[in-house]
Amino acid sequence: PDDHGALVFVGSPTAWAPATSLLYASTKGGLHTFARGLAWQLRQTRTRVVEVMPPAVDTPLNPLAISKADADLVGEQAVAGVIAGHRTVHVGPTWLLALLARLWPAAAMALVEKASRPSR
């Protein structure tokens, strides 16, 4: 895209379905709102605001029992989405949770809650 750069924020699907740690989910929800507001403020400039929505990523800090995405692959897909000019970069199936949160919020919350149980 022909622009002067991009501000990239790493969000989380928990911004739409905050059934997990309230502190984490609320900060990601705030980041989502901030990014959308900033994008609106910059809409007539050539600076893009991009929000990356990664799935659960396999890192030592992630205790989730669910299947987690490879960190390098998530990074590559995020960068590719930014280069392609997307305003929201859904890595993996995070777009599905965004859709579910709009159509059936209780189901999205239950899914996130189930996925957020720590491994044993």
Foldseek 3Di string as FASTA:
>chain_A
DPADEEAEAEAELLLLQVLADNVNSVVSVVVVVVLVVVQVVCVPHRYAYAYEYEYAADDPVQQWPDDHHHPVQSVVQVVVCVVVPDRYRYDPPSVVLVVCSVVPVVVSNVVVNVRRDGDD
